[in-house]
Protein backbone atom coordinates (compact mmCIF):
# COMPACT_ATOMS: atom_id res chain seq x y z
CA MET A 1 111.30 117.90 120.90
CA ARG A 2 108.33 118.24 118.62
CA ASP A 3 105.09 116.41 119.25
CA ILE A 4 105.00 113.53 116.77
CA THR A 5 101.26 113.55 116.21
CA SER A 6 101.06 117.28 115.47
CA THR A 7 104.12 117.06 113.23
CA LEU A 8 102.56 114.24 111.24
CA THR A 9 99.23 115.98 110.85
CA SER A 10 100.90 119.21 109.73
CA LEU A 11 102.84 117.60 106.86
CA THR A 12 101.78 119.02 103.51
CA ARG A 13 103.20 117.35 100.46
CA PRO A 14 102.12 117.10 96.82
CA LYS A 15 99.16 114.78 96.33
CA LEU A 16 101.11 112.55 93.94
CA LEU A 17 103.86 111.88 96.51
CA ILE A 18 101.31 111.08 99.21
CA ALA A 19 99.27 108.87 96.87
CA ALA A 20 102.39 106.90 95.90
CA ALA A 21 103.41 106.46 99.54
CA LYS A 22 99.89 105.40 100.55
CA ALA A 23 99.80 102.86 97.72
CA ALA A 24 103.10 101.36 98.86
CA ALA A 25 102.37 101.44 102.62
CA PRO A 26 100.36 98.17 102.78
CA LYS A 27 103.37 96.32 101.33
CA TYR A 28 105.81 97.97 103.76
CA ARG A 29 107.87 95.56 105.86
CA ARG A 30 110.03 97.16 108.51
CA SER A 31 112.84 94.59 108.34
CA ARG A 32 113.13 94.91 104.58
CA HIS A 33 112.28 98.52 103.77
CA LEU A 34 113.52 100.50 106.76
CA PRO A 35 117.22 99.83 106.12
CA GLN A 36 116.68 101.35 102.65
CA SER A 37 115.53 104.58 104.28
CA LEU A 38 117.88 104.69 107.26
CA LYS A 39 121.45 103.64 106.65
CA THR A 40 121.95 102.47 110.23
CA LEU A 41 119.38 100.43 112.08
CA GLY A 42 119.44 99.07 115.56
CA PRO A 43 116.74 98.61 118.13
CA VAL A 44 115.14 102.06 118.14
CA PRO A 45 111.91 103.01 119.93
CA ARG A 46 109.18 103.75 117.40
CA GLY A 47 108.84 107.38 118.55
CA ALA A 48 112.54 108.08 118.03
CA LEU A 49 112.42 106.24 114.71
CA LEU A 50 109.51 108.42 113.58
CA MET A 51 111.45 111.57 114.45
CA GLU A 52 114.42 110.33 112.41
CA LEU A 53 112.12 109.61 109.46
CA ILE A 54 110.47 113.03 109.78
CA VAL A 55 113.84 114.79 109.75
CA LEU A 56 114.99 112.73 106.76
CA GLU A 57 111.76 113.35 104.84
CA GLU A 58 111.95 117.09 105.58
CA SER A 59 115.45 117.15 104.09
CA PHE A 60 114.12 115.49 100.92
CA ASP A 61 111.29 118.02 100.79
CA ARG A 62 113.69 120.95 101.13
CA ARG A 63 115.72 119.55 98.22
CA ARG A 64 112.55 119.07 96.17
CA ARG A 65 111.42 122.64 96.79
CA ALA A 66 114.89 124.00 95.98
CA ARG A 67 114.90 121.96 92.75
CA ASP A 68 118.19 120.42 93.85
CA GLY A 69 119.76 118.21 91.21
CA HIS A 70 120.46 115.52 93.83
CA TYR A 71 116.78 115.23 94.80
CA SER A 72 115.22 111.81 94.23
CA SER A 73 111.45 111.43 94.23
CA VAL A 74 111.86 107.66 94.57
CA GLU A 75 113.88 108.09 97.76
CA GLN A 76 111.37 110.59 99.15
CA ILE A 77 108.49 108.21 98.43
CA THR A 78 110.41 105.39 100.11
CA VAL A 79 110.86 107.52 103.23
CA LEU A 80 107.25 108.75 103.12
CA THR A 81 106.07 105.14 102.85
CA ALA A 82 108.10 104.16 105.92
CA LEU A 83 106.85 107.26 107.71
CA LEU A 84 103.18 106.50 106.97
CA ALA A 85 103.49 102.84 107.94
CA GLU A 86 105.47 103.50 111.13
CA ALA A 87 103.14 106.37 112.09
CA GLY A 88 100.13 104.08 111.64
CA ALA A 89 101.71 101.49 113.91
CA PHE A 90 102.72 104.16 116.43
CA LEU A 91 99.23 105.63 116.60
CA ALA A 92 97.69 102.16 116.86
CA GLU A 93 100.00 101.33 119.78
CA ARG A 94 99.04 104.57 121.54
CA GLN A 95 95.31 104.04 121.07
CA THR A 96 95.17 100.37 122.02
CA PRO A 97 95.42 100.72 125.85
CA ALA A 98 92.84 103.53 125.94
CA ARG A 99 90.54 101.61 123.66
CA ARG A 100 90.83 98.52 125.86
CA ALA A 101 90.02 100.56 128.96
CA THR A 102 87.00 102.08 127.25
CA LEU A 103 85.73 98.67 126.17
CA ALA A 104 86.25 97.25 129.67
CA VAL A 105 84.19 100.04 131.22
CA ALA A 106 81.34 99.74 128.72
């Protein structure tokens, strides 16, 4: 299994796609937007969810690069938005305990 953090930092996408996803990320609501990206949704750990989103977004990117007629920039932006928002929450969850320990020591 790939390391989520390194996978996220290695993503290279066109600036316009990233800008659109970043603009939409503050309005992202998991309960409302995630089912649009993933057709099935149950209680999934955030790490596993991120991997699903990464795989889905990579499939959109392959279609974009191949100039596939079934490619949808709107769908890719929707998935990128979910990926950015969920990644932000994932990284915040991972940093919180360490940050608390650092603050307690200081």
